[in-house]
């Protein structure tokens, strides 16, 4: 299914939505996107999305929202991805996009973290795979309240899926945390890579998140912030 924007012609932000590789609730996700005033979006589904980095069509988008989970990416596509970031392309990564590109180490540096689908080795030590748990009541704490992504928001509770034992790289700026026992502590952050602004939001499994007004506000404000040069 391809998402189609219902936004007006006066919308200012041209945004690309990348999906594929993971099931999700299409209509509910689309309803959330349609609620974002000032945003026009198009969708490209993986594996075709990776090819767009090699074309000039990528230049018309001020931001890209990742809601995909894929592993295959060619050497040329990787190089084009990095070149895109040198042009100040804003990126917003949501939920299961944290698990993409298990064998591309640079992806973790771009996004700011990584969900590991299997046990992995670092410095001679083995670390267990990341975990998830559905249908959890998650208390969310806004730890950076003066940031454009989280402005005007207070702490809230959301029904969503938790991730645990995922990697968060040093140098990110935490935005959201939780004390849920089945979750990693930092569940939302900003990062920078080359000349681009980057936001990751771990939340966003299904309609329970998409319909949550706090979640909608965070995603909308993240799109706006990464789009600013």
Protein backbone atom coordinates (compact mmCIF):
# COMPACT_ATOMS: atom_id res chain seq x y z
CA UNK A 1 0.00 0.00 0.00
CA UNK A 2 1.24 3.49 -0.87
CA UNK A 3 0.46 6.43 1.35
CA UNK A 4 -1.00 9.50 -0.31
CA UNK A 5 -1.01 12.92 1.32
CA UNK A 6 -4.27 14.84 1.76
CA UNK A 7 -2.43 18.07 2.58
CA UNK A 8 -3.06 21.37 0.83
CA UNK A 9 -0.99 22.78 -1.99
CA UNK A 10 0.23 25.51 0.35
CA UNK A 11 2.14 23.04 2.53
CA UNK A 12 5.77 24.03 2.92
CA UNK A 13 7.59 20.89 4.00
CA UNK A 14 8.13 18.21 1.36
CA UNK A 15 8.74 14.95 3.22
CA UNK A 16 9.56 11.42 2.11
CA UNK A 17 8.19 8.48 4.12
CA UNK A 18 10.20 5.26 3.80
CA UNK A 19 8.45 2.03 4.78
CA UNK A 20 8.87 -1.68 4.10
CA UNK A 21 10.32 -4.77 5.70
CA UNK A 22 8.00 -4.73 8.70
CA UNK A 23 4.23 -4.96 9.04
CA UNK A 24 2.35 -1.98 10.43
CA UNK A 25 -1.14 -0.47 10.57
CA UNK A 26 -1.24 1.51 7.31
CA UNK A 27 -4.43 3.48 7.73
CA UNK A 28 -3.76 4.46 11.31
CA UNK A 29 -0.22 5.55 10.43
CA UNK A 30 -1.57 7.53 7.48
CA UNK A 31 -4.19 9.21 9.69
CA UNK A 32 -1.40 10.46 11.93
CA UNK A 33 0.58 11.82 8.98
CA UNK A 34 -2.52 13.52 7.57
CA UNK A 35 -2.99 15.35 10.86
CA UNK A 36 0.33 17.21 10.42
CA UNK A 37 -0.50 20.63 9.03
CA UNK A 38 2.22 22.16 6.88
CA UNK A 39 3.54 18.77 5.74
CA UNK A 40 3.24 17.15 2.31
CA UNK A 41 4.50 13.60 2.06
CA UNK A 42 5.14 10.83 -0.40
CA UNK A 43 5.93 7.21 0.38
CA UNK A 44 8.54 4.90 -1.10
CA UNK A 45 8.54 1.26 -0.03
CA UNK A 46 11.74 -0.74 0.45
CA UNK A 47 13.71 -2.09 -1.33
CA UNK A 48 12.99 0.65 -3.89
CA UNK A 49 13.63 3.38 -1.34
CA UNK A 50 17.37 2.76 -1.19
CA UNK A 51 17.63 3.43 -4.91
CA UNK A 52 16.25 6.96 -4.54
CA UNK A 53 19.49 8.08 -2.86
CA UNK A 54 21.16 7.69 -6.26
CA UNK A 55 18.71 9.99 -8.06
CA UNK A 56 18.17 13.74 -8.14
CA UNK A 57 14.60 13.27 -6.91
CA UNK A 58 15.89 13.04 -3.33
CA UNK A 59 16.73 16.76 -3.48
CA UNK A 60 13.09 17.89 -3.38
CA UNK A 61 12.57 16.55 0.15
CA UNK A 62 13.61 18.57 3.18
CA UNK A 63 13.26 15.57 5.48
CA UNK A 64 12.96 11.78 5.40
CA UNK A 65 10.97 9.75 7.91
CA UNK A 66 12.10 6.14 8.32
CA UNK A 67 9.52 3.56 9.36
CA UNK A 68 11.18 0.64 7.61
CA UNK A 69 13.25 -2.34 8.73
CA UNK A 70 15.54 -3.69 6.01
CA UNK A 71 19.01 -5.18 5.78
CA UNK A 72 20.11 -4.99 2.15
CA UNK A 73 21.90 -1.88 0.93
CA UNK A 74 24.57 -1.73 -1.77
CA UNK A 75 27.95 -0.03 -1.59
CA UNK A 76 26.81 2.68 -4.00
CA UNK A 77 23.63 3.27 -2.01
CA UNK A 78 25.64 3.62 1.19
CA UNK A 79 27.88 6.22 -0.43
CA UNK A 80 24.85 8.12 -1.76
CA UNK A 81 23.24 7.99 1.69
CA UNK A 82 26.33 9.62 3.24
CA UNK A 83 26.48 12.22 0.45
CA UNK A 84 22.83 13.05 1.12
CA UNK A 85 23.66 13.86 4.74
CA UNK A 86 26.36 16.26 3.62
CA UNK A 87 23.57 18.28 1.97
CA UNK A 88 21.80 18.85 5.34
CA UNK A 89 18.98 16.38 4.81
CA UNK A 90 16.92 16.03 7.99
CA UNK A 91 16.14 12.49 9.16
CA UNK A 92 13.53 11.19 11.61
CA UNK A 93 13.78 7.51 12.54
CA UNK A 94 10.82 5.78 14.16
CA UNK A 95 10.50 2.57 16.15
CA UNK A 96 11.65 -0.55 14.22
CA UNK A 97 13.97 1.45 11.93
CA UNK A 98 16.43 0.98 14.83
CA UNK A 99 16.88 -2.62 13.65
CA UNK A 100 17.80 -1.93 10.02
CA UNK A 101 21.20 -2.64 8.42
CA UNK A 102 22.62 -5.03 11.00
CA UNK A 103 25.88 -5.33 9.06
CA UNK A 104 26.40 -1.62 8.28
CA UNK A 105 28.20 -0.13 11.26
CA UNK A 106 27.94 3.44 9.99
CA UNK A 107 24.15 3.26 10.23
CA UNK A 108 24.40 3.11 14.03
CA UNK A 109 26.52 6.26 14.02
CA UNK A 110 23.98 8.04 11.81
CA UNK A 111 20.88 7.05 13.76
CA UNK A 112 22.58 7.20 17.17
CA UNK A 113 21.94 3.63 18.26
CA UNK A 114 21.09 0.11 17.16
CA UNK A 115 18.70 -2.74 17.93
CA UNK A 116 20.48 -6.08 17.62
CA UNK A 117 18.48 -8.93 16.12
CA UNK A 118 20.94 -11.54 17.36
CA UNK A 119 23.76 -11.97 19.86
CA UNK A 120 26.73 -9.86 18.84
CA UNK A 121 30.43 -9.59 19.71
CA UNK A 122 32.42 -6.50 20.64
CA UNK A 123 35.98 -6.36 21.98
CA UNK A 124 35.97 -10.10 22.51
CA UNK A 125 32.76 -10.07 24.57
CA UNK A 126 29.37 -11.43 23.56
CA UNK A 127 26.28 -9.32 24.13
CA UNK A 128 22.77 -10.76 24.05
CA UNK A 129 20.28 -9.74 21.37
CA UNK A 130 17.93 -6.84 21.99
CA UNK A 131 14.41 -7.67 23.22
CA UNK A 132 10.89 -6.33 22.77
CA UNK A 133 7.57 -6.63 24.57
CA UNK A 134 4.14 -5.71 23.20
CA UNK A 135 1.21 -3.99 24.91
CA UNK A 136 3.03 -2.16 27.65
CA UNK A 137 1.98 0.88 29.67
CA UNK A 138 5.06 3.07 29.34
CA UNK A 139 5.68 6.17 31.47
CA UNK A 140 7.59 8.71 29.37
CA UNK A 141 9.68 11.46 30.92
CA UNK A 142 10.61 14.57 28.93
CA UNK A 143 14.22 15.16 29.96
CA UNK A 144 14.98 18.06 27.60
CA UNK A 145 11.91 20.28 27.81
CA UNK A 146 13.41 23.30 26.07
CA UNK A 147 14.15 21.46 22.83
CA UNK A 148 12.02 22.25 19.73
CA UNK A 149 11.07 18.55 19.43
CA UNK A 150 9.63 18.36 22.95
CA UNK A 151 8.48 21.94 23.56
CA UNK A 152 5.13 22.44 25.32
CA UNK A 153 5.02 18.78 26.37
CA UNK A 154 4.80 17.29 29.84
CA UNK A 155 5.57 13.75 30.99
CA UNK A 156 2.97 11.28 29.73
CA UNK A 157 1.99 7.60 29.59
CA UNK A 158 1.61 5.67 26.34
CA UNK A 159 0.45 2.15 25.43
CA UNK A 160 3.18 0.82 23.17
CA UNK A 161 5.95 -1.72 22.57
CA UNK A 162 9.13 -1.61 24.60
CA UNK A 163 12.67 -2.33 23.37
CA UNK A 164 15.44 -3.36 25.72
CA UNK A 165 19.18 -4.05 25.53
CA UNK A 166 19.65 -1.91 22.44
CA UNK A 167 22.68 0.27 21.89
CA UNK A 168 22.74 4.04 22.37
CA UNK A 169 25.98 5.61 21.18
CA UNK A 170 27.83 8.29 23.17
CA UNK A 171 27.20 11.87 22.12
CA UNK A 172 23.46 11.78 21.44
CA UNK A 173 21.20 14.27 23.23
CA UNK A 174 18.47 12.45 25.19
CA UNK A 175 14.93 13.78 24.80
CA UNK A 176 12.77 11.00 26.26
CA UNK A 177 13.45 8.44 28.97
CA UNK A 178 11.48 5.79 30.81
CA UNK A 179 11.85 3.73 33.97
CA UNK A 180 9.87 0.80 32.54
CA UNK A 181 11.54 -2.46 33.58
CA UNK A 182 11.28 -3.96 30.07
CA UNK A 183 12.77 -0.94 28.28
CA UNK A 184 16.08 0.73 27.73
CA UNK A 185 16.23 4.01 29.62
CA UNK A 186 16.69 6.45 26.71
CA UNK A 187 13.85 6.10 24.20
CA UNK A 188 14.17 9.31 22.22
CA UNK A 189 17.14 11.43 21.21
CA UNK A 190 18.70 13.81 18.74
CA UNK A 191 21.92 13.21 16.89
CA UNK A 192 23.95 14.93 14.20
CA UNK A 193 25.91 13.38 11.37
CA UNK A 194 27.87 15.38 8.82
CA UNK A 195 25.62 18.40 8.18
CA UNK A 196 22.28 16.78 9.05
CA UNK A 197 19.94 16.88 12.04
CA UNK A 198 18.65 13.52 13.19
CA UNK A 199 15.92 12.42 15.61
CA UNK A 200 15.13 8.90 16.80
CA UNK A 201 11.87 8.05 18.59
CA UNK A 202 11.63 4.47 19.84
CA UNK A 203 7.87 4.64 20.30
CA UNK A 204 5.39 3.97 17.47
CA UNK A 205 4.32 0.33 17.16
CA UNK A 206 0.62 0.70 16.31
CA UNK A 207 -2.56 2.78 16.60
CA UNK A 208 -2.16 3.13 20.35
CA UNK A 209 0.87 5.30 19.65
CA UNK A 210 -0.35 6.90 16.41
CA UNK A 211 -3.51 8.16 18.14
CA UNK A 212 -1.67 9.46 21.20
CA UNK A 213 -1.56 13.27 20.96
CA UNK A 214 1.78 13.50 22.73
CA UNK A 215 3.34 11.09 20.24
CA UNK A 216 1.84 12.99 17.31
CA UNK A 217 3.24 16.24 18.66
CA UNK A 218 6.73 14.79 19.07
CA UNK A 219 6.81 13.35 15.54
CA UNK A 220 5.41 16.53 13.98
CA UNK A 221 7.84 18.77 15.84
CA UNK A 222 10.71 16.42 14.97
CA UNK A 223 9.90 16.74 11.27
CA UNK A 224 9.80 20.52 11.55
CA UNK A 225 13.07 20.72 13.50
CA UNK A 226 15.16 18.47 11.23
CA UNK A 227 13.82 20.36 8.21
CA UNK A 228 15.27 23.65 9.42
CA UNK A 229 18.65 24.40 7.92
